[in-house]
Amino acid sequence: GLLLIHHGKYTMRFWGMAFFIFLAGIAVEVVGVATGLLFGEYTYGSTLGPKVFHTPLMIGVNWFLLVYCSLSIVDRYIDTPYFRAVGAAALMVVYDFALEPAAIQLDMWSWSGGAVPLQNYLAWFIIAFILNYVAGRTGTFDRENKLALPLFFIQMGFFIALDLWIYISAVWDFS
């Protein structure tokens, strides 16, 4: 909500792109859960709320949030649409890398075999690249949004802190 409050100009193109990314995020995750072909074998837990086809609706919100923030961040420094999409996709993969241990521990999702497959990060990069490239070409996201950068890094920092706590708790018993 705060990200949207600080967005500059609301147009039909903006809302259309936001809805497209939301739906695309849901769609790739539905396919991923059903087939295991995109990200690897995984299932969603109950933490993220209501689901459609075994995929939480919040996942579409997350894809939108991450594309918006990562594209807004790199858009400040990179002018070429292709390289902007590469940079934004790379940011999203780094974020996912930080998110995974905490997400698993918090029952957001779980991986078959317990380990996150490399395939997950490759698929994340490719899908994030496509979504960022399309969104970047439309110019609908506000590069001047003052919350995009701090929101992205505060969230990532939060998950890194959780990861550290999980690791430390596994090494030392705090009970």
N, C-alpha and C. Protein backbone atom coordinates (compact mmCIF):
# COMPACT_ATOMS: atom_id res chain seq x y z
N GLY A 1 0.81 -1.19 0.00
CA GLY A 1 0.00 0.00 0.00
C GLY A 1 0.86 1.26 0.00
N LEU A 2 1.89 1.28 0.83
CA LEU A 2 2.76 2.46 0.91
C LEU A 2 3.46 2.71 -0.43
N LEU A 3 3.86 1.64 -1.08
CA LEU A 3 4.51 1.78 -2.39
C LEU A 3 3.56 2.46 -3.37
N LEU A 4 2.32 2.04 -3.37
CA LEU A 4 1.33 2.62 -4.29
C LEU A 4 0.99 4.05 -3.94
N ILE A 5 0.97 4.37 -2.65
CA ILE A 5 0.69 5.75 -2.23
C ILE A 5 1.75 6.70 -2.78
N HIS A 6 2.98 6.23 -2.86
CA HIS A 6 4.09 7.06 -3.34
C HIS A 6 4.34 6.94 -4.84
N HIS A 7 3.49 6.20 -5.53
CA HIS A 7 3.60 6.13 -6.99
C HIS A 7 3.14 7.47 -7.56
N GLY A 8 3.79 7.89 -8.63
CA GLY A 8 3.50 9.19 -9.21
C GLY A 8 2.18 9.29 -9.94
N LYS A 9 2.10 8.75 -11.12
CA LYS A 9 0.94 8.97 -11.99
C LYS A 9 0.21 7.64 -12.23
N TYR A 10 -1.05 7.62 -11.83
CA TYR A 10 -1.87 6.43 -12.05
C TYR A 10 -2.57 6.54 -13.40
N THR A 11 -2.29 5.58 -14.25
CA THR A 11 -2.90 5.53 -15.56
C THR A 11 -3.49 4.13 -15.77
N MET A 12 -4.28 3.99 -16.79
CA MET A 12 -4.80 2.66 -17.13
C MET A 12 -3.64 1.73 -17.50
N ARG A 13 -2.63 2.28 -18.11
CA ARG A 13 -1.45 1.48 -18.49
C ARG A 13 -0.75 0.95 -17.22
N PHE A 14 -0.64 1.80 -16.20
CA PHE A 14 -0.03 1.38 -14.94
C PHE A 14 -0.84 0.23 -14.34
N TRP A 15 -2.15 0.42 -14.19
CA TRP A 15 -2.98 -0.61 -13.57
C TRP A 15 -2.99 -1.88 -14.40
N GLY A 16 -2.99 -1.72 -15.73
CA GLY A 16 -2.93 -2.89 -16.60
C GLY A 16 -1.65 -3.67 -16.41
N MET A 17 -0.52 -2.95 -16.32
CA MET A 17 0.77 -3.62 -16.11
C MET A 17 0.83 -4.26 -14.73
N ALA A 18 0.32 -3.57 -13.71
CA ALA A 18 0.30 -4.14 -12.36
C ALA A 18 -0.52 -5.43 -12.34
N PHE A 19 -1.67 -5.41 -12.99
CA PHE A 19 -2.53 -6.60 -13.04
C PHE A 19 -1.88 -7.71 -13.85
N PHE A 20 -1.23 -7.34 -14.95
CA PHE A 20 -0.52 -8.32 -15.77
C PHE A 20 0.56 -9.03 -14.96
N ILE A 21 1.36 -8.27 -14.21
CA ILE A 21 2.44 -8.87 -13.42
C ILE A 21 1.86 -9.74 -12.31
N PHE A 22 0.80 -9.27 -11.67
CA PHE A 22 0.12 -10.06 -10.64
C PHE A 22 -0.33 -11.40 -11.22
N LEU A 23 -1.04 -11.35 -12.35
CA LEU A 23 -1.54 -12.58 -12.98
C LEU A 23 -0.42 -13.47 -13.50
N ALA A 24 0.60 -12.87 -14.10
CA ALA A 24 1.73 -13.64 -14.60
C ALA A 24 2.45 -14.33 -13.44
N GLY A 25 2.62 -13.63 -12.33
CA GLY A 25 3.26 -14.22 -11.16
C GLY A 25 2.46 -15.40 -10.63
N ILE A 26 1.15 -15.24 -10.54
CA ILE A 26 0.29 -16.34 -10.10
C ILE A 26 0.40 -17.50 -11.09
N ALA A 27 0.32 -17.18 -12.39
CA ALA A 27 0.32 -18.23 -13.43
C ALA A 27 1.60 -19.06 -13.40
N VAL A 28 2.76 -18.40 -13.33
CA VAL A 28 4.01 -19.18 -13.34
C VAL A 28 4.12 -20.03 -12.08
N GLU A 29 3.62 -19.53 -10.97
CA GLU A 29 3.68 -20.30 -9.73
C GLU A 29 2.69 -21.47 -9.75
N VAL A 30 1.51 -21.27 -10.32
CA VAL A 30 0.55 -22.36 -10.46
C VAL A 30 1.16 -23.47 -11.32
N VAL A 31 1.77 -23.09 -12.44
CA VAL A 31 2.43 -24.07 -13.31
C VAL A 31 3.59 -24.72 -12.56
N GLY A 32 4.35 -23.91 -11.82
CA GLY A 32 5.49 -24.44 -11.06
C GLY A 32 5.07 -25.47 -10.03
N VAL A 33 4.02 -25.17 -9.27
CA VAL A 33 3.55 -26.09 -8.23
C VAL A 33 2.99 -27.36 -8.86
N ALA A 34 2.23 -27.20 -9.95
CA ALA A 34 1.55 -28.34 -10.57
C ALA A 34 2.52 -29.28 -11.29
N THR A 35 3.59 -28.73 -11.86
CA THR A 35 4.45 -29.56 -12.71
C THR A 35 5.85 -29.76 -12.17
N GLY A 36 6.36 -28.83 -11.40
CA GLY A 36 7.75 -28.89 -10.95
C GLY A 36 8.74 -28.53 -12.04
N LEU A 37 8.24 -28.17 -13.22
CA LEU A 37 9.13 -27.93 -14.35
C LEU A 37 9.85 -26.58 -14.29
N LEU A 38 9.21 -25.57 -13.74
CA LEU A 38 9.83 -24.24 -13.76
C LEU A 38 10.87 -24.06 -12.66
N PHE A 39 10.44 -24.23 -11.42
CA PHE A 39 11.30 -23.91 -10.28
C PHE A 39 11.87 -25.14 -9.58
N GLY A 40 11.31 -26.27 -9.86
CA GLY A 40 11.62 -27.49 -9.14
C GLY A 40 10.37 -27.93 -8.38
N GLU A 41 10.48 -29.03 -7.65
CA GLU A 41 9.35 -29.58 -6.90
C GLU A 41 9.17 -28.84 -5.57
N TYR A 42 8.02 -28.16 -5.42
CA TYR A 42 7.74 -27.45 -4.18
C TYR A 42 6.24 -27.37 -3.95
N THR A 43 5.87 -27.09 -2.72
CA THR A 43 4.47 -26.87 -2.35
C THR A 43 4.40 -25.68 -1.41
N TYR A 44 3.28 -25.00 -1.45
CA TYR A 44 3.07 -23.86 -0.56
C TYR A 44 2.46 -24.33 0.76
N GLY A 45 2.89 -23.71 1.84
CA GLY A 45 2.30 -23.96 3.15
C GLY A 45 1.11 -23.05 3.36
N SER A 46 0.70 -22.91 4.61
CA SER A 46 -0.51 -22.12 4.91
C SER A 46 -0.21 -20.66 5.27
N THR A 47 1.04 -20.30 5.43
CA THR A 47 1.42 -18.98 5.94
C THR A 47 0.95 -17.82 5.07
N LEU A 48 0.95 -17.98 3.76
CA LEU A 48 0.68 -16.85 2.86
C LEU A 48 -0.80 -16.65 2.53
N GLY A 49 -1.68 -17.36 3.19
CA GLY A 49 -3.10 -17.10 3.07
C GLY A 49 -3.81 -17.84 1.94
N PRO A 50 -4.94 -17.27 1.50
CA PRO A 50 -5.82 -17.95 0.53
C PRO A 50 -5.10 -18.32 -0.76
N LYS A 51 -5.49 -19.48 -1.29
CA LYS A 51 -4.82 -20.01 -2.48
C LYS A 51 -5.81 -20.22 -3.62
N VAL A 52 -5.28 -20.18 -4.82
CA VAL A 52 -5.99 -20.59 -6.01
C VAL A 52 -5.09 -21.60 -6.72
N PHE A 53 -5.60 -22.77 -7.00
CA PHE A 53 -4.80 -23.85 -7.60
C PHE A 53 -3.52 -24.10 -6.81
N HIS A 54 -3.65 -24.18 -5.48
CA HIS A 54 -2.54 -24.48 -4.56
C HIS A 54 -1.47 -23.39 -4.51
N THR A 55 -1.81 -22.18 -4.98
CA THR A 55 -0.86 -21.06 -5.00
C THR A 55 -1.48 -19.86 -4.28
N PRO A 56 -0.81 -19.34 -3.25
CA PRO A 56 -1.35 -18.19 -2.54
C PRO A 56 -1.47 -16.95 -3.45
N LEU A 57 -2.57 -16.24 -3.30
CA LEU A 57 -2.77 -15.00 -4.06
C LEU A 57 -1.68 -13.98 -3.73
N MET A 58 -1.16 -14.05 -2.51
CA MET A 58 -0.11 -13.12 -2.09
C MET A 58 1.13 -13.23 -2.97
N ILE A 59 1.33 -14.36 -3.61
CA ILE A 59 2.49 -14.55 -4.49
C ILE A 59 2.41 -13.58 -5.68
N GLY A 60 1.22 -13.36 -6.21
CA GLY A 60 1.06 -12.38 -7.30
C GLY A 60 1.40 -10.98 -6.82
N VAL A 61 0.99 -10.65 -5.60
CA VAL A 61 1.33 -9.35 -5.01
C VAL A 61 2.84 -9.24 -4.86
N ASN A 62 3.48 -10.32 -4.42
CA ASN A 62 4.93 -10.32 -4.24
C ASN A 62 5.66 -10.10 -5.58
N TRP A 63 5.21 -10.79 -6.63
CA TRP A 63 5.83 -10.60 -7.94
C TRP A 63 5.70 -9.13 -8.37
N PHE A 64 4.51 -8.55 -8.19
CA PHE A 64 4.32 -7.14 -8.56
C PHE A 64 5.26 -6.24 -7.75
N LEU A 65 5.26 -6.43 -6.44
CA LEU A 65 6.09 -5.61 -5.57
C LEU A 65 7.56 -5.70 -5.96
N LEU A 66 8.06 -6.90 -6.20
CA LEU A 66 9.48 -7.07 -6.52
C LEU A 66 9.83 -6.51 -7.89
N VAL A 67 8.97 -6.70 -8.88
CA VAL A 67 9.24 -6.12 -10.20
C VAL A 67 9.22 -4.60 -10.10
N TYR A 68 8.23 -4.04 -9.45
CA TYR A 68 8.13 -2.59 -9.32
C TYR A 68 9.39 -2.03 -8.64
N CYS A 69 9.74 -2.60 -7.48
CA CYS A 69 10.87 -2.08 -6.72
C CYS A 69 12.19 -2.27 -7.45
N SER A 70 12.45 -3.47 -7.94
CA SER A 70 13.74 -3.74 -8.58
C SER A 70 13.89 -2.89 -9.85
N LEU A 71 12.83 -2.76 -10.62
CA LEU A 71 12.91 -1.95 -11.83
C LEU A 71 13.09 -0.47 -11.49
N SER A 72 12.41 -0.01 -10.46
CA SER A 72 12.56 1.39 -10.04
C SER A 72 13.99 1.68 -9.58
N ILE A 73 14.60 0.70 -8.92
CA ILE A 73 15.97 0.88 -8.43
C ILE A 73 16.95 0.97 -9.60
N VAL A 74 16.93 -0.02 -10.48
CA VAL A 74 17.92 -0.04 -11.56
C VAL A 74 17.64 1.02 -12.62
N ASP A 75 16.39 1.44 -12.73
CA ASP A 75 16.02 2.46 -13.71
C ASP A 75 16.74 3.79 -13.45
N ARG A 76 17.15 4.00 -12.22
CA ARG A 76 17.88 5.22 -11.85
C ARG A 76 19.30 5.23 -12.40
N TYR A 77 19.83 4.03 -12.69
CA TYR A 77 21.24 3.93 -13.06
C TYR A 77 21.49 3.38 -14.45
N ILE A 78 20.51 2.68 -15.03
CA ILE A 78 20.70 2.03 -16.32
C ILE A 78 19.63 2.50 -17.29
N ASP A 79 20.04 2.99 -18.44
CA ASP A 79 19.09 3.51 -19.42
C ASP A 79 18.63 2.49 -20.46
N THR A 80 19.45 1.52 -20.76
CA THR A 80 19.12 0.54 -21.80
C THR A 80 18.10 -0.47 -21.27
N PRO A 81 16.96 -0.64 -21.96
CA PRO A 81 15.92 -1.55 -21.46
C PRO A 81 16.40 -2.98 -21.20
N TYR A 82 17.23 -3.52 -22.08
CA TYR A 82 17.72 -4.88 -21.90
C TYR A 82 18.55 -4.99 -20.62
N PHE A 83 19.51 -4.09 -20.43
CA PHE A 83 20.38 -4.16 -19.26
C PHE A 83 19.64 -3.78 -17.98
N ARG A 84 18.63 -2.92 -18.11
CA ARG A 84 17.77 -2.60 -16.96
C ARG A 84 17.08 -3.87 -16.48
N ALA A 85 16.55 -4.65 -17.43
CA ALA A 85 15.86 -5.90 -17.09
C ALA A 85 16.83 -6.91 -16.49
N VAL A 86 18.05 -6.98 -17.01
CA VAL A 86 19.07 -7.88 -16.45
C VAL A 86 19.38 -7.48 -15.01
N GLY A 87 19.59 -6.21 -14.77
CA GLY A 87 19.91 -5.73 -13.42
C GLY A 87 18.77 -5.96 -12.45
N ALA A 88 17.55 -5.67 -12.88
CA ALA A 88 16.39 -5.87 -12.02
C ALA A 88 16.19 -7.36 -11.72
N ALA A 89 16.35 -8.20 -12.73
CA ALA A 89 16.22 -9.65 -12.52
C ALA A 89 17.29 -10.15 -11.55
N ALA A 90 18.50 -9.66 -11.69
CA ALA A 90 19.58 -10.05 -10.77
C ALA A 90 19.25 -9.64 -9.34
N LEU A 91 18.71 -8.44 -9.15
CA LEU A 91 18.30 -8.01 -7.81
C LEU A 91 17.24 -8.95 -7.24
N MET A 92 16.30 -9.35 -8.09
CA MET A 92 15.23 -10.23 -7.63
C MET A 92 15.76 -11.61 -7.24
N VAL A 93 16.76 -12.10 -7.95
CA VAL A 93 17.35 -13.40 -7.60
C VAL A 93 18.11 -13.29 -6.28
N VAL A 94 18.83 -12.21 -6.07
CA VAL A 94 19.52 -12.01 -4.79
C VAL A 94 18.50 -11.96 -3.65
N TYR A 95 17.40 -11.27 -3.88
CA TYR A 95 16.32 -11.20 -2.90
C TYR A 95 15.78 -12.60 -2.60
N ASP A 96 15.53 -13.39 -3.66
CA ASP A 96 15.00 -14.73 -3.48
C ASP A 96 15.99 -15.61 -2.71
N PHE A 97 17.26 -15.44 -2.99
CA PHE A 97 18.29 -16.19 -2.28
C PHE A 97 18.23 -15.89 -0.78
N ALA A 98 18.01 -14.61 -0.44
CA ALA A 98 17.90 -14.22 0.97
C ALA A 98 16.59 -14.72 1.59
N LEU A 99 15.54 -14.76 0.80
CA LEU A 99 14.22 -15.14 1.27
C LEU A 99 14.07 -16.63 1.57
N GLU A 100 14.68 -17.47 0.78
CA GLU A 100 14.42 -18.91 0.82
C GLU A 100 14.54 -19.55 2.21
N PRO A 101 15.65 -19.40 2.93
CA PRO A 101 15.75 -20.10 4.22
C PRO A 101 14.64 -19.72 5.20
N ALA A 102 14.34 -18.44 5.30
CA ALA A 102 13.29 -17.99 6.22
C ALA A 102 11.92 -18.46 5.74
N ALA A 103 11.67 -18.39 4.44
CA ALA A 103 10.38 -18.80 3.89
C ALA A 103 10.10 -20.28 4.19
N ILE A 104 11.13 -21.09 4.06
CA ILE A 104 10.98 -22.51 4.34
C ILE A 104 10.68 -22.72 5.82
N GLN A 105 11.44 -22.06 6.67
CA GLN A 105 11.28 -22.18 8.12
C GLN A 105 9.90 -21.69 8.58
N LEU A 106 9.36 -20.66 7.91
CA LEU A 106 8.07 -20.08 8.29
C LEU A 106 6.88 -20.74 7.59
N ASP A 107 7.11 -21.85 6.91
CA ASP A 107 6.08 -22.62 6.22
C ASP A 107 5.38 -21.80 5.12
N MET A 108 6.15 -20.93 4.47
CA MET A 108 5.60 -20.28 3.29
C MET A 108 5.55 -21.29 2.15
N TRP A 109 6.63 -22.08 2.03
CA TRP A 109 6.70 -23.17 1.06
C TRP A 109 7.76 -24.15 1.49
N SER A 110 7.77 -25.30 0.84
CA SER A 110 8.80 -26.30 1.12
C SER A 110 9.21 -26.96 -0.19
N TRP A 111 10.43 -27.40 -0.23
CA TRP A 111 11.01 -28.02 -1.41
C TRP A 111 11.10 -29.51 -1.23
N SER A 112 10.81 -30.23 -2.30
CA SER A 112 10.98 -31.68 -2.29
C SER A 112 12.48 -31.97 -2.09
N GLY A 113 12.77 -32.80 -1.13
CA GLY A 113 14.17 -33.10 -0.83
C GLY A 113 14.79 -32.11 0.14
N GLY A 114 14.08 -31.04 0.48
CA GLY A 114 14.54 -30.08 1.47
C GLY A 114 15.46 -28.97 0.99
N ALA A 115 16.14 -29.15 -0.14
CA ALA A 115 17.09 -28.15 -0.63
C ALA A 115 16.47 -27.36 -1.79
N VAL A 116 16.82 -26.09 -1.86
CA VAL A 116 16.37 -25.24 -2.97
C VAL A 116 17.21 -25.59 -4.21
N PRO A 117 16.56 -26.01 -5.29
CA PRO A 117 17.33 -26.38 -6.48
C PRO A 117 17.85 -25.15 -7.24
N LEU A 118 18.96 -25.31 -7.89
CA LEU A 118 19.51 -24.25 -8.74
C LEU A 118 18.49 -23.82 -9.80
N GLN A 119 17.71 -24.76 -10.25
CA GLN A 119 16.66 -24.51 -11.23
C GLN A 119 15.73 -23.38 -10.78
N ASN A 120 15.47 -23.28 -9.48
CA ASN A 120 14.62 -22.22 -8.95
C ASN A 120 15.20 -20.84 -9.28
N TYR A 121 16.49 -20.68 -9.04
CA TYR A 121 17.13 -19.38 -9.25
C TYR A 121 17.24 -19.05 -10.74
N LEU A 122 17.48 -20.05 -11.56
CA LEU A 122 17.53 -19.83 -13.01
C LEU A 122 16.16 -19.41 -13.54
N ALA A 123 15.12 -20.11 -13.10
CA ALA A 123 13.76 -19.76 -13.53
C ALA A 123 13.37 -18.38 -13.02
N TRP A 124 13.73 -18.08 -11.78
CA TRP A 124 13.45 -16.75 -11.23
C TRP A 124 14.10 -15.68 -12.10
N PHE A 125 15.34 -15.90 -12.48
CA PHE A 125 16.03 -14.90 -13.29
C PHE A 125 15.34 -14.71 -14.64
N ILE A 126 15.01 -15.80 -15.30
CA ILE A 126 14.40 -15.71 -16.63
C ILE A 126 13.02 -15.04 -16.56
N ILE A 127 12.20 -15.48 -15.61
CA ILE A 127 10.85 -14.90 -15.49
C ILE A 127 10.95 -13.44 -15.04
N ALA A 128 11.81 -13.16 -14.09
CA ALA A 128 11.99 -11.77 -13.64
C ALA A 128 12.51 -10.90 -14.78
N PHE A 129 13.42 -11.42 -15.59
CA PHE A 129 13.91 -10.66 -16.74
C PHE A 129 12.76 -10.30 -17.67
N ILE A 130 11.95 -11.28 -18.02
CA ILE A 130 10.83 -11.04 -18.94
C ILE A 130 9.87 -9.99 -18.37
N LEU A 131 9.46 -10.16 -17.12
CA LEU A 131 8.52 -9.22 -16.52
C LEU A 131 9.11 -7.82 -16.40
N ASN A 132 10.37 -7.74 -16.01
CA ASN A 132 11.02 -6.43 -15.89
C ASN A 132 11.22 -5.78 -17.26
N TYR A 133 11.53 -6.59 -18.26
CA TYR A 133 11.71 -6.04 -19.60
C TYR A 133 10.39 -5.47 -20.13
N VAL A 134 9.33 -6.24 -19.99
CA VAL A 134 8.01 -5.77 -20.45
C VAL A 134 7.59 -4.51 -19.69
N ALA A 135 7.71 -4.56 -18.35
CA ALA A 135 7.33 -3.40 -17.54
C ALA A 135 8.21 -2.19 -17.85
N GLY A 136 9.49 -2.44 -18.06
CA GLY A 136 10.41 -1.34 -18.37
C GLY A 136 10.11 -0.69 -19.71
N ARG A 137 9.70 -1.48 -20.68
CA ARG A 137 9.39 -0.93 -22.01
C ARG A 137 8.14 -0.06 -21.98
N THR A 138 7.22 -0.35 -21.05
CA THR A 138 5.99 0.45 -20.98
C THR A 138 6.20 1.74 -20.21
N GLY A 139 7.24 1.80 -19.38
CA GLY A 139 7.52 3.01 -18.61
C GLY A 139 6.45 3.35 -17.60
N THR A 140 5.76 2.34 -17.07
CA THR A 140 4.64 2.60 -16.18
C THR A 140 5.00 2.72 -14.71
N PHE A 141 6.18 2.24 -14.33
CA PHE A 141 6.55 2.29 -12.92
C PHE A 141 7.40 3.52 -12.66
N ASP A 142 7.19 4.11 -11.50
CA ASP A 142 7.78 5.40 -11.17
C ASP A 142 9.21 5.23 -10.65
N ARG A 143 10.17 5.68 -11.43
CA ARG A 143 11.56 5.57 -11.00
C ARG A 143 11.86 6.52 -9.85
N GLU A 144 11.00 7.50 -9.65
CA GLU A 144 11.19 8.46 -8.56
C GLU A 144 10.48 8.06 -7.27
N ASN A 145 9.85 6.90 -7.26
CA ASN A 145 9.14 6.45 -6.06
C ASN A 145 10.16 6.33 -4.92
N LYS A 146 9.99 7.16 -3.92
CA LYS A 146 10.96 7.24 -2.83
C LYS A 146 10.96 6.01 -1.93
N LEU A 147 9.93 5.19 -2.02
CA LEU A 147 9.88 4.00 -1.16
C LEU A 147 10.38 2.74 -1.83
N ALA A 148 10.53 2.74 -3.15
CA ALA A 148 10.92 1.51 -3.85
C ALA A 148 12.25 0.96 -3.35
N LEU A 149 13.27 1.78 -3.29
CA LEU A 149 14.59 1.31 -2.86
C LEU A 149 14.59 0.91 -1.39
N PRO A 150 14.12 1.76 -0.46
CA PRO A 150 14.17 1.32 0.94
C PRO A 150 13.27 0.11 1.21
N LEU A 151 12.11 0.04 0.57
CA LEU A 151 11.22 -1.09 0.79
C LEU A 151 11.89 -2.39 0.36
N PHE A 152 12.50 -2.38 -0.80
CA PHE A 152 13.18 -3.57 -1.31
C PHE A 152 14.27 -4.03 -0.34
N PHE A 153 15.13 -3.11 0.07
CA PHE A 153 16.26 -3.50 0.91
C PHE A 153 15.87 -3.74 2.37
N ILE A 154 14.84 -3.08 2.86
CA ILE A 154 14.36 -3.38 4.22
C ILE A 154 13.78 -4.79 4.26
N GLN A 155 12.99 -5.14 3.24
CA GLN A 155 12.45 -6.50 3.18
C GLN A 155 13.56 -7.53 3.08
N MET A 156 14.53 -7.29 2.20
CA MET A 156 15.62 -8.23 2.05
C MET A 156 16.42 -8.32 3.35
N GLY A 157 16.67 -7.18 3.98
CA GLY A 157 17.38 -7.19 5.26
C GLY A 157 16.62 -7.94 6.34
N PHE A 158 15.30 -7.82 6.33
CA PHE A 158 14.46 -8.55 7.26
C PHE A 158 14.65 -10.05 7.09
N PHE A 159 14.64 -10.52 5.85
CA PHE A 159 14.81 -11.95 5.62
C PHE A 159 16.23 -12.41 5.92
N ILE A 160 17.21 -11.58 5.68
CA ILE A 160 18.59 -11.94 6.04
C ILE A 160 18.70 -12.05 7.56
N ALA A 161 18.08 -11.13 8.29
CA ALA A 161 18.09 -11.19 9.76
C ALA A 161 17.40 -12.47 10.24
N LEU A 162 16.27 -12.82 9.63
CA LEU A 162 15.61 -14.08 9.99
C LEU A 162 16.50 -15.28 9.68
N ASP A 163 17.16 -15.25 8.53
CA ASP A 163 18.07 -16.34 8.17
C ASP A 163 19.15 -16.51 9.23
N LEU A 164 19.73 -15.39 9.66
CA LEU A 164 20.78 -15.44 10.68
C LEU A 164 20.24 -15.99 12.00
N TRP A 165 19.04 -15.54 12.36
CA TRP A 165 18.43 -16.03 13.60
C TRP A 165 18.18 -17.53 13.52
N ILE A 166 17.69 -18.00 12.39
CA ILE A 166 17.46 -19.43 12.19
C ILE A 166 18.76 -20.20 12.31
N TYR A 167 19.81 -19.69 11.69
CA TYR A 167 21.12 -20.35 11.75
C TYR A 167 21.66 -20.37 13.18
N ILE A 168 21.61 -19.22 13.83
CA ILE A 168 22.13 -19.12 15.20
C ILE A 168 21.33 -20.02 16.14
N SER A 169 20.01 -20.04 15.96
CA SER A 169 19.15 -20.89 16.80
C SER A 169 19.45 -22.37 16.60
N ALA A 170 19.87 -22.74 15.39
CA ALA A 170 20.21 -24.15 15.13
C ALA A 170 21.54 -24.52 15.80
N VAL A 171 22.43 -23.55 15.93
CA VAL A 171 23.74 -23.80 16.52
C VAL A 171 23.67 -23.76 18.05
N TRP A 172 22.97 -22.75 18.59
CA TRP A 172 22.83 -22.59 20.03
C TRP A 172 21.37 -22.76 20.43
N ASP A 173 21.16 -23.44 21.50
CA ASP A 173 19.80 -23.67 21.99
C ASP A 173 19.42 -22.50 22.92
N PHE A 174 18.41 -21.73 22.51
CA PHE A 174 17.97 -20.57 23.31
C PHE A 174 16.75 -20.87 24.16
N SER A 175 16.34 -22.12 24.25
CA SER A 175 15.12 -22.43 25.02
C SER A 175 15.39 -22.54 26.51
